[in-house]
Amino acid sequence: MKGHARNLMTAPVKSVSLGMPISDIAILLVEERIGGAPVTDDDGRVLGMISEVDIMAALLRGLPLRTPVEEVMTSPVHTVNEFDLTDKVMELFRQHRIHHLPVVREGKLLGMITPADVIRYLAEDFPENGRMA
């Protein structure tokens, strides 16, 4: 697979801030029909990731809905630069078994890559009959 991370990513990306309660994040995920969101500081730097799996795990542990994101987010988080090759993206997905990969420019959030983005990118190269050559 040839290309750069920026060819795969979806942008713009919904992000959440530190201190945001998981109840608000759950609403955001449902409304936006997304499975997770990066947690960013005021400058747009990625501090962590929060996913529906993280929220469900918090609820199963009995944490209150007002629990702030920093108590349940995944951190540190793997990121890629917009010019990293797609091979690196695929290796990070494979090696770390992640489903959300923030794309950054100078350390600031630029976009997001999910497995659906990779499949969409690959599907553009499928021949007319829908099968790869």
C-alpha atoms as a PDB file:
ATOM      1  CA  MET A   1       0.000   0.000   0.000  1.00  0.00           C
ATOM      2  CA  LYS A   2       1.552   3.262  -1.140  1.00  0.00           C
ATOM      3  CA  GLY A   3       0.924   6.734   0.194  1.00  0.00           C
ATOM      4  CA  HIS A   4       1.070   8.803   3.337  1.00  0.00           C
ATOM      5  CA  ALA A   5      -1.011   8.943   6.498  1.00  0.00           C
ATOM      6  CA  ARG A   6      -2.707  12.102   5.232  1.00  0.00           C
ATOM      7  CA  ASN A   7      -4.150  10.061   2.320  1.00  0.00           C
ATOM      8  CA  LEU A   8      -5.906   7.749   4.779  1.00  0.00           C
ATOM      9  CA  MET A   9      -7.088  10.158   7.461  1.00  0.00           C
ATOM     10  CA  THR A  10     -10.462  11.686   8.111  1.00  0.00           C
ATOM     11  CA  ALA A  11     -10.457  15.387   8.968  1.00  0.00           C
ATOM     12  CA  PRO A  12     -11.601  17.403  10.785  1.00  0.00           C
ATOM     13  CA  VAL A  13     -11.771  15.321  13.950  1.00  0.00           C
ATOM     14  CA  LYS A  14     -13.970  15.717  17.012  1.00  0.00           C
ATOM     15  CA  SER A  15     -11.801  15.836  20.125  1.00  0.00           C
ATOM     16  CA  VAL A  16     -12.487  16.140  23.835  1.00  0.00           C
ATOM     17  CA  SER A  17     -10.708  18.052  26.571  1.00  0.00           C
ATOM     18  CA  LEU A  18      -9.387  17.075  29.966  1.00  0.00           C
ATOM     19  CA  GLY A  19     -11.987  17.257  32.691  1.00  0.00           C
ATOM     20  CA  MET A  20     -14.854  16.390  30.357  1.00  0.00           C
ATOM     21  CA  PRO A  21     -17.139  13.827  32.045  1.00  0.00           C
ATOM     22  CA  ILE A  22     -17.584  10.460  30.378  1.00  0.00           C
ATOM     23  CA  SER A  23     -21.341  11.104  30.146  1.00  0.00           C
ATOM     24  CA  ASP A  24     -20.718  14.041  27.779  1.00  0.00           C
ATOM     25  CA  ILE A  25     -18.229  11.982  25.791  1.00  0.00           C
ATOM     26  CA  ALA A  26     -20.716   9.116  25.443  1.00  0.00           C
ATOM     27  CA  ILE A  27     -23.268  11.563  24.013  1.00  0.00           C
ATOM     28  CA  LEU A  28     -20.675  12.941  21.588  1.00  0.00           C
ATOM     29  CA  LEU A  29     -19.733   9.453  20.363  1.00  0.00           C
ATOM     30  CA  VAL A  30     -23.375   8.558  19.760  1.00  0.00           C
ATOM     31  CA  GLU A  31     -24.263  11.854  18.061  1.00  0.00           C
ATOM     32  CA  GLU A  32     -21.201  11.794  15.805  1.00  0.00           C
ATOM     33  CA  ARG A  33     -21.434   8.031  15.170  1.00  0.00           C
ATOM     34  CA  ILE A  34     -17.791   7.509  16.081  1.00  0.00           C
ATOM     35  CA  GLY A  35     -16.119   4.893  18.249  1.00  0.00           C
ATOM     36  CA  GLY A  36     -13.606   7.147  19.955  1.00  0.00           C
ATOM     37  CA  ALA A  37     -12.071  10.588  20.185  1.00  0.00           C
ATOM     38  CA  PRO A  38      -8.654  12.007  20.934  1.00  0.00           C
ATOM     39  CA  VAL A  39      -8.181  13.900  24.181  1.00  0.00           C
ATOM     40  CA  THR A  40      -6.366  17.172  23.484  1.00  0.00           C
ATOM     41  CA  ASP A  41      -5.018  20.100  25.439  1.00  0.00           C
ATOM     42  CA  ASP A  42      -5.860  23.730  24.674  1.00  0.00           C
ATOM     43  CA  ASP A  43      -3.126  23.814  22.008  1.00  0.00           C
ATOM     44  CA  GLY A  44      -4.495  20.771  20.172  1.00  0.00           C
ATOM     45  CA  ARG A  45      -1.781  18.368  21.345  1.00  0.00           C
ATOM     46  CA  VAL A  46      -2.948  14.775  21.707  1.00  0.00           C
ATOM     47  CA  LEU A  47      -2.811  13.613  25.333  1.00  0.00           C
ATOM     48  CA  GLY A  48      -4.772  10.380  25.031  1.00  0.00           C
ATOM     49  CA  MET A  49      -7.665   8.529  23.433  1.00  0.00           C
ATOM     50  CA  ILE A  50     -11.114   7.730  24.799  1.00  0.00           C
ATOM     51  CA  SER A  51     -13.211   5.045  23.152  1.00  0.00           C
ATOM     52  CA  GLU A  52     -16.568   3.428  23.654  1.00  0.00           C
ATOM     53  CA  VAL A  53     -14.655   0.431  25.050  1.00  0.00           C
ATOM     54  CA  ASP A  54     -13.007   2.694  27.674  1.00  0.00           C
ATOM     55  CA  ILE A  55     -16.372   4.157  28.667  1.00  0.00           C
ATOM     56  CA  MET A  56     -17.994   0.725  28.890  1.00  0.00           C
ATOM     57  CA  ALA A  57     -15.113  -0.558  31.024  1.00  0.00           C
ATOM     58  CA  ALA A  58     -15.526   2.441  33.360  1.00  0.00           C
ATOM     59  CA  LEU A  59     -19.252   1.776  33.706  1.00  0.00           C
ATOM     60  CA  LEU A  60     -18.669  -1.915  34.384  1.00  0.00           C
ATOM     61  CA  ARG A  61     -16.215  -0.933  37.146  1.00  0.00           C
ATOM     62  CA  GLY A  62     -18.998   1.162  38.689  1.00  0.00           C
ATOM     63  CA  LEU A  63     -17.439   4.567  38.035  1.00  0.00           C
ATOM     64  CA  PRO A  64     -19.925   7.461  38.057  1.00  0.00           C
ATOM     65  CA  LEU A  65     -20.947   9.165  34.810  1.00  0.00           C
ATOM     66  CA  ARG A  66     -19.306  12.376  36.020  1.00  0.00           C
ATOM     67  CA  THR A  67     -15.864  10.678  36.010  1.00  0.00           C
ATOM     68  CA  PRO A  68     -13.439  12.920  34.079  1.00  0.00           C
ATOM     69  CA  VAL A  69     -11.907  11.558  30.883  1.00  0.00           C
ATOM     70  CA  GLU A  70      -8.358  11.618  32.250  1.00  0.00           C
ATOM     71  CA  GLU A  71      -9.285   8.835  34.703  1.00  0.00           C
ATOM     72  CA  VAL A  72     -10.298   6.390  31.948  1.00  0.00           C
ATOM     73  CA  MET A  73      -8.514   7.482  28.762  1.00  0.00           C
ATOM     74  CA  THR A  74      -5.733   5.507  27.148  1.00  0.00           C
ATOM     75  CA  SER A  75      -2.423   7.324  27.492  1.00  0.00           C
ATOM     76  CA  PRO A  76       0.163   7.628  26.117  1.00  0.00           C
ATOM     77  CA  VAL A  77      -1.320   7.307  22.665  1.00  0.00           C
ATOM     78  CA  HIS A  78       0.339   6.263  19.409  1.00  0.00           C
ATOM     79  CA  THR A  79       0.270   8.936  16.703  1.00  0.00           C
ATOM     80  CA  VAL A  80       1.639   9.350  13.183  1.00  0.00           C
ATOM     81  CA  ASN A  81       2.871  12.368  11.328  1.00  0.00           C
ATOM     82  CA  GLU A  82       0.848  13.301   8.253  1.00  0.00           C
ATOM     83  CA  PHE A  83       3.804  12.336   6.031  1.00  0.00           C
ATOM     84  CA  ASP A  84       4.476   8.937   7.616  1.00  0.00           C
ATOM     85  CA  LEU A  85       4.091   6.160   5.070  1.00  0.00           C
ATOM     86  CA  THR A  86       0.977   4.010   5.048  1.00  0.00           C
ATOM     87  CA  ASP A  87       3.211   1.009   5.812  1.00  0.00           C
ATOM     88  CA  LYS A  88       3.967   2.587   9.202  1.00  0.00           C
ATOM     89  CA  VAL A  89       0.244   3.151   9.800  1.00  0.00           C
ATOM     90  CA  MET A  90      -0.491  -0.505   9.074  1.00  0.00           C
ATOM     91  CA  GLU A  91       2.363  -1.644  11.315  1.00  0.00           C
ATOM     92  CA  LEU A  92       1.039   0.429  14.247  1.00  0.00           C
ATOM     93  CA  PHE A  93      -2.454  -1.036  13.796  1.00  0.00           C
ATOM     94  CA  ARG A  94      -1.006  -4.545  13.673  1.00  0.00           C
ATOM     95  CA  GLN A  95       1.595  -4.212  16.427  1.00  0.00           C
ATOM     96  CA  HIS A  96      -0.530  -2.371  19.005  1.00  0.00           C
ATOM     97  CA  ARG A  97      -3.984  -3.682  18.038  1.00  0.00           C
ATOM     98  CA  ILE A  98      -5.449  -0.194  18.052  1.00  0.00           C
ATOM     99  CA  HIS A  99      -8.499   1.135  16.220  1.00  0.00           C
ATOM    100  CA  HIS A 100      -7.884   4.876  16.365  1.00  0.00           C
ATOM    101  CA  LEU A 101      -4.666   6.495  15.182  1.00  0.00           C
ATOM    102  CA  PRO A 102      -4.414  10.286  15.461  1.00  0.00           C
ATOM    103  CA  VAL A 103      -2.512  12.080  12.713  1.00  0.00           C
ATOM    104  CA  VAL A 104      -0.499  15.078  13.870  1.00  0.00           C
ATOM    105  CA  ARG A 105       1.340  18.027  12.339  1.00  0.00           C
ATOM    106  CA  GLU A 106       3.992  19.549  14.573  1.00  0.00           C
ATOM    107  CA  GLY A 107       2.466  17.637  17.476  1.00  0.00           C
ATOM    108  CA  LYS A 108      -1.046  19.011  16.965  1.00  0.00           C
ATOM    109  CA  LEU A 109      -4.114  16.999  15.960  1.00  0.00           C
ATOM    110  CA  LEU A 110      -4.756  17.056  12.233  1.00  0.00           C
ATOM    111  CA  GLY A 111      -6.864  13.969  11.510  1.00  0.00           C
ATOM    112  CA  MET A 112      -7.725  10.406  12.503  1.00  0.00           C
ATOM    113  CA  ILE A 113      -7.225   7.032  10.868  1.00  0.00           C
ATOM    114  CA  THR A 114      -9.462   4.062  11.687  1.00  0.00           C
ATOM    115  CA  PRO A 115      -9.728   0.624  10.078  1.00  0.00           C
ATOM    116  CA  ALA A 116     -12.707   1.944   8.079  1.00  0.00           C
ATOM    117  CA  ASP A 117     -10.464   4.661   6.607  1.00  0.00           C
ATOM    118  CA  VAL A 118      -7.905   2.060   5.524  1.00  0.00           C
ATOM    119  CA  ILE A 119     -10.603  -0.079   3.888  1.00  0.00           C
ATOM    120  CA  ARG A 120     -12.072   2.981   2.140  1.00  0.00           C
ATOM    121  CA  TYR A 121      -8.595   3.872   0.818  1.00  0.00           C
ATOM    122  CA  LEU A 122      -8.022   0.327  -0.431  1.00  0.00           C
ATOM    123  CA  ALA A 123     -11.472   0.149  -2.044  1.00  0.00           C
ATOM    124  CA  GLU A 124     -10.554   3.073  -4.306  1.00  0.00           C
ATOM    125  CA  ASP A 125      -8.043   0.763  -6.004  1.00  0.00           C
ATOM    126  CA  PHE A 126     -10.494  -2.124  -6.509  1.00  0.00           C
ATOM    127  CA  PRO A 127     -11.249  -2.813 -10.176  1.00  0.00           C
ATOM    128  CA  GLU A 128     -14.797  -2.393 -11.497  1.00  0.00           C
ATOM    129  CA  ASN A 129     -15.839  -5.949 -10.559  1.00  0.00           C
ATOM    130  CA  GLY A 130     -15.018  -5.258  -6.907  1.00  0.00           C
ATOM    131  CA  ARG A 131     -12.134  -7.712  -6.700  1.00  0.00           C
ATOM    132  CA  MET A 132      -8.481  -6.937  -6.410  1.00  0.00           C
ATOM    133  CA  ALA A 133      -6.304  -8.067  -9.289  1.00  0.00           C
END
